[in-house]
Amino acid sequence: MSVLDPRHLLLGLAAAASAQLSATFYDASCPSALATIKSGVTAAGCNASVLLADTANFTGEQTAFPKVNSIRSRLTGLDVIDGIKAHVEAVCAQTVSCADILAVAARDSIVALGGPSYTVPLGRRDSTSVSLSKANRDLPPPTSDLADLVGNFSRKGLSVTDMVALSGN
């Protein structure tokens, strides 16, 4: 079974289900999770890209038109996150969500590049399903200009600030 099993994929970092998020969520269940993620980010650099890959029984979203050729380097994108997920799984299997790994990796990447550190609330749950057709319909393609992007995010109820935060890759 692939580390990127559909049961462990995320649809979005903002989808925290109804769980209460806490910076100490994994302190008891996987105390080395954050150090393991940081180690992976430090070793390879990381842009916290998407994980929605195809499997034998599941069509993911990596082949959605808006995502095709949008990851500048596989080494600093999907493969790095996949590797970090594999290391976290080796330390504590089926404990840390991909959504939390992405959130922590994003923060650790910012810090590695000299940016500020911040507390990451943890406890997100990964989605158990994805939709290639929705990704093709709802995600802005890489050819979008500023007006297209602002309009796309606005239709989802998101501001320009939200767009920059979610798109800054």
N, C-alpha and C. Protein backbone atom coordinates (compact mmCIF):
# COMPACT_ATOMS: atom_id res chain seq x y z
N MET A 1 0.85 -1.18 0.00
CA MET A 1 0.00 0.00 0.00
C MET A 1 0.89 1.24 0.00
N SER A 2 0.59 2.20 -0.83
CA SER A 2 1.33 3.44 -0.95
C SER A 2 1.14 4.29 0.30
N VAL A 3 2.16 5.09 0.64
CA VAL A 3 2.04 6.03 1.74
C VAL A 3 0.92 7.02 1.44
N LEU A 4 0.66 7.25 0.16
CA LEU A 4 -0.36 8.21 -0.22
C LEU A 4 -1.70 7.52 -0.45
N ASP A 5 -2.01 6.60 0.39
CA ASP A 5 -3.29 5.89 0.37
C ASP A 5 -4.42 6.91 0.45
N PRO A 6 -5.49 6.73 -0.30
CA PRO A 6 -6.56 7.72 -0.31
C PRO A 6 -7.18 7.96 1.06
N ARG A 7 -7.07 7.00 1.96
CA ARG A 7 -7.63 7.22 3.29
C ARG A 7 -6.84 8.25 4.06
N HIS A 8 -5.65 8.57 3.59
CA HIS A 8 -4.78 9.48 4.31
C HIS A 8 -4.53 10.77 3.54
N LEU A 9 -5.33 11.04 2.56
CA LEU A 9 -5.12 12.23 1.75
C LEU A 9 -5.95 13.40 2.27
N LEU A 10 -5.55 14.58 1.87
CA LEU A 10 -6.31 15.73 2.29
C LEU A 10 -6.95 16.43 1.10
N LEU A 11 -8.07 17.05 1.35
CA LEU A 11 -8.68 17.89 0.32
C LEU A 11 -8.26 19.33 0.51
N GLY A 12 -7.92 19.70 1.70
CA GLY A 12 -7.46 21.06 1.93
C GLY A 12 -7.00 21.23 3.35
N LEU A 13 -6.02 22.09 3.56
CA LEU A 13 -5.53 22.31 4.90
C LEU A 13 -6.59 22.92 5.81
N ALA A 14 -7.53 23.63 5.25
CA ALA A 14 -8.55 24.27 6.06
C ALA A 14 -9.62 23.29 6.55
N ALA A 15 -9.69 22.12 5.97
CA ALA A 15 -10.71 21.15 6.35
C ALA A 15 -10.27 20.40 7.59
N ALA A 16 -10.59 20.91 8.73
CA ALA A 16 -10.16 20.32 9.99
C ALA A 16 -11.25 19.47 10.61
N ALA A 17 -12.28 19.17 9.84
CA ALA A 17 -13.44 18.41 10.32
C ALA A 17 -13.99 19.11 11.54
N SER A 18 -14.46 18.37 12.49
CA SER A 18 -15.00 19.00 13.69
C SER A 18 -14.06 18.84 14.87
N ALA A 19 -12.82 18.41 14.59
CA ALA A 19 -11.85 18.18 15.65
C ALA A 19 -11.40 19.50 16.26
N GLN A 20 -11.07 19.45 17.52
CA GLN A 20 -10.48 20.59 18.21
C GLN A 20 -8.97 20.56 17.94
N LEU A 21 -8.44 21.60 17.35
CA LEU A 21 -7.02 21.64 17.01
C LEU A 21 -6.22 22.11 18.22
N SER A 22 -5.01 21.57 18.35
CA SER A 22 -4.13 21.90 19.47
C SER A 22 -2.68 21.74 19.04
N ALA A 23 -1.82 22.64 19.46
CA ALA A 23 -0.40 22.56 19.15
C ALA A 23 0.24 21.33 19.78
N THR A 24 -0.40 20.74 20.78
CA THR A 24 0.16 19.59 21.48
C THR A 24 -0.56 18.28 21.12
N PHE A 25 -1.30 18.27 20.03
CA PHE A 25 -2.13 17.13 19.66
C PHE A 25 -1.39 15.80 19.61
N TYR A 26 -0.14 15.80 19.13
CA TYR A 26 0.62 14.55 18.98
C TYR A 26 1.62 14.31 20.10
N ASP A 27 1.62 15.14 21.14
CA ASP A 27 2.60 14.99 22.22
C ASP A 27 2.62 13.59 22.82
N ALA A 28 1.48 12.99 23.01
CA ALA A 28 1.42 11.65 23.60
C ALA A 28 1.42 10.54 22.54
N SER A 29 0.69 10.74 21.45
CA SER A 29 0.53 9.67 20.47
C SER A 29 1.71 9.52 19.51
N CYS A 30 2.44 10.60 19.27
CA CYS A 30 3.60 10.55 18.36
C CYS A 30 4.54 11.71 18.70
N PRO A 31 5.24 11.59 19.83
CA PRO A 31 6.06 12.71 20.29
C PRO A 31 7.17 13.15 19.34
N SER A 32 7.61 12.29 18.45
CA SER A 32 8.69 12.68 17.53
C SER A 32 8.17 13.13 16.17
N ALA A 33 6.86 13.30 16.00
CA ALA A 33 6.29 13.69 14.71
C ALA A 33 6.86 15.00 14.19
N LEU A 34 6.86 16.04 15.01
CA LEU A 34 7.30 17.35 14.53
C LEU A 34 8.79 17.34 14.19
N ALA A 35 9.60 16.67 15.00
CA ALA A 35 11.03 16.58 14.71
C ALA A 35 11.28 15.80 13.41
N THR A 36 10.48 14.77 13.17
CA THR A 36 10.62 13.97 11.96
C THR A 36 10.27 14.80 10.73
N ILE A 37 9.20 15.57 10.81
CA ILE A 37 8.81 16.45 9.70
C ILE A 37 9.89 17.49 9.45
N LYS A 38 10.36 18.13 10.51
CA LYS A 38 11.40 19.16 10.37
C LYS A 38 12.66 18.58 9.75
N SER A 39 13.02 17.38 10.15
CA SER A 39 14.20 16.73 9.59
C SER A 39 14.05 16.53 8.08
N GLY A 40 12.87 16.11 7.64
CA GLY A 40 12.62 15.93 6.21
C GLY A 40 12.68 17.23 5.44
N VAL A 41 12.12 18.28 6.02
CA VAL A 41 12.14 19.60 5.38
C VAL A 41 13.57 20.11 5.29
N THR A 42 14.30 19.99 6.38
CA THR A 42 15.67 20.46 6.42
C THR A 42 16.54 19.72 5.42
N ALA A 43 16.33 18.43 5.30
CA ALA A 43 17.14 17.61 4.41
C ALA A 43 16.92 17.93 2.94
N ALA A 44 15.69 18.29 2.57
CA ALA A 44 15.40 18.42 1.14
C ALA A 44 14.82 19.74 0.72
N GLY A 45 14.36 20.54 1.63
CA GLY A 45 13.59 21.71 1.26
C GLY A 45 12.20 21.24 0.95
N CYS A 46 11.21 22.08 1.11
CA CYS A 46 9.84 21.60 0.99
C CYS A 46 8.90 22.74 0.68
N ASN A 47 8.00 22.54 -0.29
CA ASN A 47 7.01 23.57 -0.56
C ASN A 47 5.60 23.14 -0.18
N ALA A 48 5.46 22.03 0.55
CA ALA A 48 4.17 21.55 1.05
C ALA A 48 3.12 21.43 -0.04
N SER A 49 3.47 20.80 -1.14
CA SER A 49 2.53 20.63 -2.25
C SER A 49 1.48 19.58 -1.97
N VAL A 50 0.66 19.35 -2.95
CA VAL A 50 -0.47 18.45 -2.83
C VAL A 50 -0.07 16.99 -2.90
N LEU A 51 -0.91 16.12 -2.38
CA LEU A 51 -0.61 14.70 -2.28
C LEU A 51 -1.60 13.81 -3.00
N LEU A 52 -2.51 14.33 -3.70
CA LEU A 52 -3.65 13.55 -4.16
C LEU A 52 -3.31 12.71 -5.39
N ALA A 53 -2.63 11.58 -5.16
CA ALA A 53 -2.17 10.71 -6.24
C ALA A 53 -3.18 9.61 -6.57
N ASP A 54 -3.07 9.07 -7.78
CA ASP A 54 -3.89 7.93 -8.18
C ASP A 54 -3.36 6.65 -7.54
N THR A 55 -4.25 5.72 -7.27
CA THR A 55 -3.87 4.37 -6.86
C THR A 55 -4.65 3.41 -7.75
N ALA A 56 -4.48 2.12 -7.56
CA ALA A 56 -5.17 1.13 -8.37
C ALA A 56 -6.69 1.23 -8.22
N ASN A 57 -7.17 1.63 -7.07
CA ASN A 57 -8.61 1.68 -6.79
C ASN A 57 -9.15 3.09 -6.64
N PHE A 58 -8.38 4.10 -7.04
CA PHE A 58 -8.73 5.46 -6.66
C PHE A 58 -8.14 6.43 -7.67
N THR A 59 -8.94 7.35 -8.17
CA THR A 59 -8.44 8.41 -9.04
C THR A 59 -8.28 9.67 -8.22
N GLY A 60 -7.05 10.11 -8.07
CA GLY A 60 -6.75 11.29 -7.27
C GLY A 60 -6.90 12.56 -8.07
N GLU A 61 -6.19 13.61 -7.63
CA GLU A 61 -6.33 14.92 -8.27
C GLU A 61 -5.03 15.43 -8.88
N GLN A 62 -3.93 14.70 -8.80
CA GLN A 62 -2.68 15.21 -9.33
C GLN A 62 -2.74 15.43 -10.83
N THR A 63 -3.60 14.73 -11.53
CA THR A 63 -3.70 14.90 -12.98
C THR A 63 -4.77 15.91 -13.37
N ALA A 64 -5.37 16.58 -12.40
CA ALA A 64 -6.33 17.63 -12.71
C ALA A 64 -5.61 18.71 -13.52
N PHE A 65 -6.27 19.23 -14.54
CA PHE A 65 -5.65 20.21 -15.43
C PHE A 65 -4.98 21.36 -14.68
N PRO A 66 -5.62 21.96 -13.67
CA PRO A 66 -4.96 23.08 -13.00
C PRO A 66 -3.67 22.70 -12.28
N LYS A 67 -3.46 21.42 -12.02
CA LYS A 67 -2.26 21.01 -11.30
C LYS A 67 -1.16 20.48 -12.22
N VAL A 68 -1.50 20.14 -13.45
CA VAL A 68 -0.52 19.56 -14.36
C VAL A 68 0.59 20.58 -14.61
N ASN A 69 1.82 20.14 -14.42
CA ASN A 69 3.02 20.97 -14.61
C ASN A 69 3.07 22.18 -13.68
N SER A 70 2.31 22.16 -12.59
CA SER A 70 2.34 23.31 -11.69
C SER A 70 3.36 23.14 -10.58
N ILE A 71 3.87 21.94 -10.39
CA ILE A 71 4.88 21.72 -9.36
C ILE A 71 6.23 21.89 -10.01
N ARG A 72 6.98 22.89 -9.54
CA ARG A 72 8.22 23.26 -10.20
C ARG A 72 9.26 22.15 -10.19
N SER A 73 9.35 21.41 -9.11
CA SER A 73 10.34 20.34 -9.03
C SER A 73 9.77 19.22 -8.18
N ARG A 74 9.72 18.03 -8.75
CA ARG A 74 9.20 16.89 -7.98
C ARG A 74 10.05 16.67 -6.74
N LEU A 75 11.34 16.95 -6.81
CA LEU A 75 12.20 16.74 -5.65
C LEU A 75 11.79 17.63 -4.49
N THR A 76 11.30 18.81 -4.75
CA THR A 76 10.91 19.70 -3.66
C THR A 76 9.40 19.75 -3.49
N GLY A 77 8.70 18.85 -4.12
CA GLY A 77 7.25 18.83 -4.02
C GLY A 77 6.72 17.52 -3.50
N LEU A 78 6.04 16.80 -4.35
CA LEU A 78 5.36 15.58 -3.94
C LEU A 78 6.29 14.53 -3.35
N ASP A 79 7.44 14.32 -3.96
CA ASP A 79 8.35 13.29 -3.47
C ASP A 79 8.86 13.60 -2.06
N VAL A 80 9.12 14.87 -1.78
CA VAL A 80 9.59 15.25 -0.45
C VAL A 80 8.52 14.99 0.59
N ILE A 81 7.29 15.41 0.30
CA ILE A 81 6.20 15.18 1.24
C ILE A 81 5.94 13.69 1.40
N ASP A 82 5.99 12.95 0.30
CA ASP A 82 5.81 11.51 0.35
C ASP A 82 6.88 10.88 1.25
N GLY A 83 8.12 11.34 1.12
CA GLY A 83 9.20 10.83 1.95
C GLY A 83 9.01 11.18 3.41
N ILE A 84 8.59 12.40 3.68
CA ILE A 84 8.33 12.81 5.07
C ILE A 84 7.21 11.96 5.65
N LYS A 85 6.15 11.76 4.88
CA LYS A 85 5.04 10.93 5.35
C LYS A 85 5.52 9.52 5.66
N ALA A 86 6.38 8.97 4.82
CA ALA A 86 6.91 7.62 5.04
C ALA A 86 7.72 7.56 6.34
N HIS A 87 8.52 8.59 6.59
CA HIS A 87 9.30 8.62 7.83
C HIS A 87 8.40 8.76 9.05
N VAL A 88 7.39 9.59 8.95
CA VAL A 88 6.46 9.74 10.07
C VAL A 88 5.71 8.43 10.31
N GLU A 89 5.30 7.77 9.23
CA GLU A 89 4.61 6.47 9.37
C GLU A 89 5.51 5.43 10.03
N ALA A 90 6.81 5.48 9.73
CA ALA A 90 7.75 4.53 10.33
C ALA A 90 7.90 4.77 11.83
N VAL A 91 7.78 6.03 12.24
CA VAL A 91 7.91 6.38 13.65
C VAL A 91 6.62 6.08 14.41
N CYS A 92 5.49 6.40 13.83
CA CYS A 92 4.19 6.15 14.47
C CYS A 92 3.14 6.01 13.38
N ALA A 93 2.85 4.76 13.06
CA ALA A 93 1.95 4.43 11.96
C ALA A 93 0.53 4.89 12.20
N GLN A 94 -0.09 5.40 11.15
CA GLN A 94 -1.50 5.79 11.12
C GLN A 94 -1.90 6.69 12.29
N THR A 95 -1.02 7.65 12.57
CA THR A 95 -1.27 8.56 13.68
C THR A 95 -1.36 10.01 13.23
N VAL A 96 -0.41 10.43 12.40
CA VAL A 96 -0.31 11.83 11.98
C VAL A 96 -0.94 12.00 10.60
N SER A 97 -1.86 12.94 10.48
CA SER A 97 -2.54 13.15 9.21
C SER A 97 -1.62 13.83 8.20
N CYS A 98 -1.89 13.58 6.93
CA CYS A 98 -1.17 14.28 5.85
C CYS A 98 -1.42 15.78 5.94
N ALA A 99 -2.63 16.15 6.32
CA ALA A 99 -2.96 17.57 6.44
C ALA A 99 -2.07 18.25 7.47
N ASP A 100 -1.83 17.58 8.61
CA ASP A 100 -0.94 18.15 9.62
C ASP A 100 0.51 18.15 9.14
N ILE A 101 0.91 17.10 8.45
CA ILE A 101 2.28 17.07 7.92
C ILE A 101 2.49 18.25 6.98
N LEU A 102 1.53 18.52 6.12
CA LEU A 102 1.65 19.65 5.19
C LEU A 102 1.71 20.98 5.93
N ALA A 103 0.87 21.14 6.95
CA ALA A 103 0.84 22.39 7.71
C ALA A 103 2.17 22.61 8.43
N VAL A 104 2.70 21.57 9.05
CA VAL A 104 3.97 21.69 9.76
C VAL A 104 5.12 21.88 8.78
N ALA A 105 5.10 21.14 7.67
CA ALA A 105 6.15 21.28 6.66
C ALA A 105 6.16 22.70 6.07
N ALA A 106 4.99 23.27 5.88
CA ALA A 106 4.92 24.65 5.37
C ALA A 106 5.58 25.60 6.35
N ARG A 107 5.24 25.46 7.64
CA ARG A 107 5.85 26.31 8.66
C ARG A 107 7.36 26.09 8.71
N ASP A 108 7.80 24.84 8.72
CA ASP A 108 9.23 24.54 8.80
C ASP A 108 9.97 25.05 7.57
N SER A 109 9.32 25.05 6.42
CA SER A 109 9.93 25.59 5.20
C SER A 109 10.13 27.09 5.31
N ILE A 110 9.15 27.77 5.86
CA ILE A 110 9.26 29.22 6.08
C ILE A 110 10.43 29.52 7.01
N VAL A 111 10.52 28.77 8.10
CA VAL A 111 11.60 28.96 9.06
C VAL A 111 12.95 28.67 8.40
N ALA A 112 13.03 27.59 7.63
CA ALA A 112 14.29 27.21 6.96
C ALA A 112 14.77 28.30 6.01
N LEU A 113 13.83 29.06 5.46
CA LEU A 113 14.19 30.14 4.54
C LEU A 113 14.40 31.48 5.24
N GLY A 114 14.41 31.44 6.59
CA GLY A 114 14.68 32.66 7.36
C GLY A 114 13.45 33.41 7.80
N GLY A 115 12.28 32.84 7.56
CA GLY A 115 11.04 33.49 7.98
C GLY A 115 10.72 33.20 9.43
N PRO A 116 9.64 33.77 9.91
CA PRO A 116 9.27 33.60 11.32
C PRO A 116 8.66 32.22 11.59
N SER A 117 8.83 31.76 12.80
CA SER A 117 8.18 30.53 13.23
C SER A 117 6.82 30.90 13.82
N TYR A 118 5.94 29.95 13.85
CA TYR A 118 4.63 30.16 14.46
C TYR A 118 4.09 28.82 14.92
N THR A 119 3.14 28.86 15.81
CA THR A 119 2.52 27.65 16.34
C THR A 119 1.55 27.10 15.32
N VAL A 120 1.64 25.80 15.06
CA VAL A 120 0.72 25.14 14.13
C VAL A 120 -0.29 24.34 14.94
N PRO A 121 -1.56 24.71 14.89
CA PRO A 121 -2.57 23.89 15.55
C PRO A 121 -2.67 22.54 14.84
N LEU A 122 -2.69 21.47 15.59
CA LEU A 122 -2.67 20.12 15.02
C LEU A 122 -3.93 19.36 15.38
N GLY A 123 -4.16 18.29 14.64
CA GLY A 123 -5.33 17.45 14.89
C GLY A 123 -6.27 17.39 13.70
N ARG A 124 -5.80 17.87 12.54
CA ARG A 124 -6.62 17.79 11.34
C ARG A 124 -6.85 16.33 10.97
N ARG A 125 -7.94 16.07 10.34
CA ARG A 125 -8.25 14.73 9.84
C ARG A 125 -8.18 14.79 8.32
N ASP A 126 -7.62 13.76 7.72
CA ASP A 126 -7.54 13.70 6.27
C ASP A 126 -8.87 13.25 5.69
N SER A 127 -9.15 13.71 4.52
CA SER A 127 -10.36 13.30 3.81
C SER A 127 -10.23 11.84 3.41
N THR A 128 -11.35 11.20 3.27
CA THR A 128 -11.35 9.80 2.80
C THR A 128 -11.75 9.71 1.34
N SER A 129 -11.98 10.85 0.69
CA SER A 129 -12.33 10.84 -0.72
C SER A 129 -11.85 12.12 -1.38
N VAL A 130 -11.66 12.07 -2.68
CA VAL A 130 -11.31 13.24 -3.48
C VAL A 130 -12.09 13.16 -4.78
N SER A 131 -12.03 14.22 -5.56
CA SER A 131 -12.78 14.24 -6.81
C SER A 131 -11.96 14.92 -7.91
N LEU A 132 -11.52 14.13 -8.87
CA LEU A 132 -10.80 14.68 -10.00
C LEU A 132 -11.68 15.68 -10.76
N SER A 133 -12.96 15.36 -10.94
CA SER A 133 -13.84 16.27 -11.68
C SER A 133 -14.01 17.60 -10.94
N LYS A 134 -14.11 17.56 -9.62
CA LYS A 134 -14.23 18.81 -8.86
C LYS A 134 -12.93 19.60 -8.93
N ALA A 135 -11.79 18.91 -8.87
CA ALA A 135 -10.51 19.60 -8.98
C ALA A 135 -10.40 20.28 -10.34
N ASN A 136 -10.79 19.58 -11.40
CA ASN A 136 -10.76 20.18 -12.74
C ASN A 136 -11.70 21.37 -12.85
N ARG A 137 -12.82 21.30 -12.16
CA ARG A 137 -13.81 22.37 -12.22
C ARG A 137 -13.47 23.54 -11.30
N ASP A 138 -12.96 23.25 -10.10
CA ASP A 138 -12.85 24.29 -9.07
C ASP A 138 -11.47 24.90 -8.87
N LEU A 139 -10.42 24.20 -9.24
CA LEU A 139 -9.07 24.75 -9.05
C LEU A 139 -8.69 25.64 -10.22
N PRO A 140 -8.10 26.80 -9.93
CA PRO A 140 -7.69 27.66 -11.05
C PRO A 140 -6.51 27.04 -11.79
N PRO A 141 -6.54 27.09 -13.12
CA PRO A 141 -5.43 26.53 -13.89
C PRO A 141 -4.18 27.40 -13.75
N PRO A 142 -3.01 26.85 -14.02
CA PRO A 142 -1.76 27.61 -13.90
C PRO A 142 -1.66 28.76 -14.90
N THR A 143 -2.54 28.80 -15.87
CA THR A 143 -2.54 29.87 -16.87
C THR A 143 -3.37 31.07 -16.43
N SER A 144 -3.99 31.02 -15.27
CA SER A 144 -4.84 32.11 -14.79
C SER A 144 -4.04 33.38 -14.59
N ASP A 145 -4.66 34.51 -14.98
CA ASP A 145 -4.05 35.79 -14.66
C ASP A 145 -4.63 36.28 -13.33
N LEU A 146 -4.20 37.42 -12.87
CA LEU A 146 -4.62 37.92 -11.56
C LEU A 146 -6.13 38.06 -11.46
N ALA A 147 -6.74 38.62 -12.48
CA ALA A 147 -8.19 38.81 -12.45
C ALA A 147 -8.92 37.47 -12.35
N ASP A 148 -8.46 36.49 -13.11
CA ASP A 148 -9.07 35.15 -13.05
C ASP A 148 -8.93 34.55 -11.65
N LEU A 149 -7.73 34.69 -11.07
CA LEU A 149 -7.50 34.14 -9.73
C LEU A 149 -8.37 34.81 -8.68
N VAL A 150 -8.43 36.12 -8.71
CA VAL A 150 -9.26 36.86 -7.75
C VAL A 150 -10.71 36.43 -7.89
N GLY A 151 -11.20 36.32 -9.11
CA GLY A 151 -12.57 35.89 -9.35
C GLY A 151 -12.83 34.48 -8.87
N ASN A 152 -11.91 33.57 -9.15
CA ASN A 152 -12.06 32.18 -8.73
C ASN A 152 -12.14 32.07 -7.22
N PHE A 153 -11.24 32.73 -6.51
CA PHE A 153 -11.24 32.67 -5.06
C PHE A 153 -12.46 33.39 -4.48
N SER A 154 -12.85 34.49 -5.09
CA SER A 154 -14.02 35.24 -4.63
C SER A 154 -15.29 34.40 -4.71
N ARG A 155 -15.43 33.62 -5.77
CA ARG A 155 -16.60 32.74 -5.91
C ARG A 155 -16.67 31.70 -4.81
N LYS A 156 -15.56 31.43 -4.17
CA LYS A 156 -15.51 30.47 -3.06
C LYS A 156 -15.63 31.19 -1.71
N GLY A 157 -15.86 32.50 -1.76
CA GLY A 157 -16.00 33.27 -0.52
C GLY A 157 -14.67 33.64 0.11
N LEU A 158 -13.60 33.61 -0.68
CA LEU A 158 -12.27 33.90 -0.15
C LEU A 158 -11.79 35.27 -0.64
N SER A 159 -11.03 35.94 0.20
CA SER A 159 -10.51 37.26 -0.12
C SER A 159 -9.19 37.17 -0.89
N VAL A 160 -8.69 38.33 -1.31
CA VAL A 160 -7.39 38.38 -1.98
C VAL A 160 -6.30 37.93 -1.00
N THR A 161 -6.43 38.29 0.26
CA THR A 161 -5.47 37.86 1.28
C THR A 161 -5.49 36.34 1.41
N ASP A 162 -6.69 35.76 1.42
CA ASP A 162 -6.81 34.30 1.46
C ASP A 162 -6.14 33.68 0.25
N MET A 163 -6.36 34.28 -0.91
CA MET A 163 -5.79 33.76 -2.16
C MET A 163 -4.26 33.76 -2.08
N VAL A 164 -3.68 34.84 -1.61
CA VAL A 164 -2.23 34.92 -1.52
C VAL A 164 -1.69 33.88 -0.54
N ALA A 165 -2.35 33.73 0.59
CA ALA A 165 -1.92 32.76 1.60
C ALA A 165 -2.00 31.34 1.07
N LEU A 166 -3.04 31.01 0.33
CA LEU A 166 -3.22 29.66 -0.18
C LEU A 166 -2.42 29.38 -1.44
N SER A 167 -2.08 30.42 -2.19
CA SER A 167 -1.39 30.25 -3.47
C SER A 167 0.11 30.44 -3.36
N GLY A 168 0.58 31.08 -2.34
CA GLY A 168 2.00 31.41 -2.23
C GLY A 168 2.86 30.18 -2.14
N ASN A 169 3.27 29.67 -3.27
CA ASN A 169 4.04 28.44 -3.33
C ASN A 169 5.40 28.71 -3.91
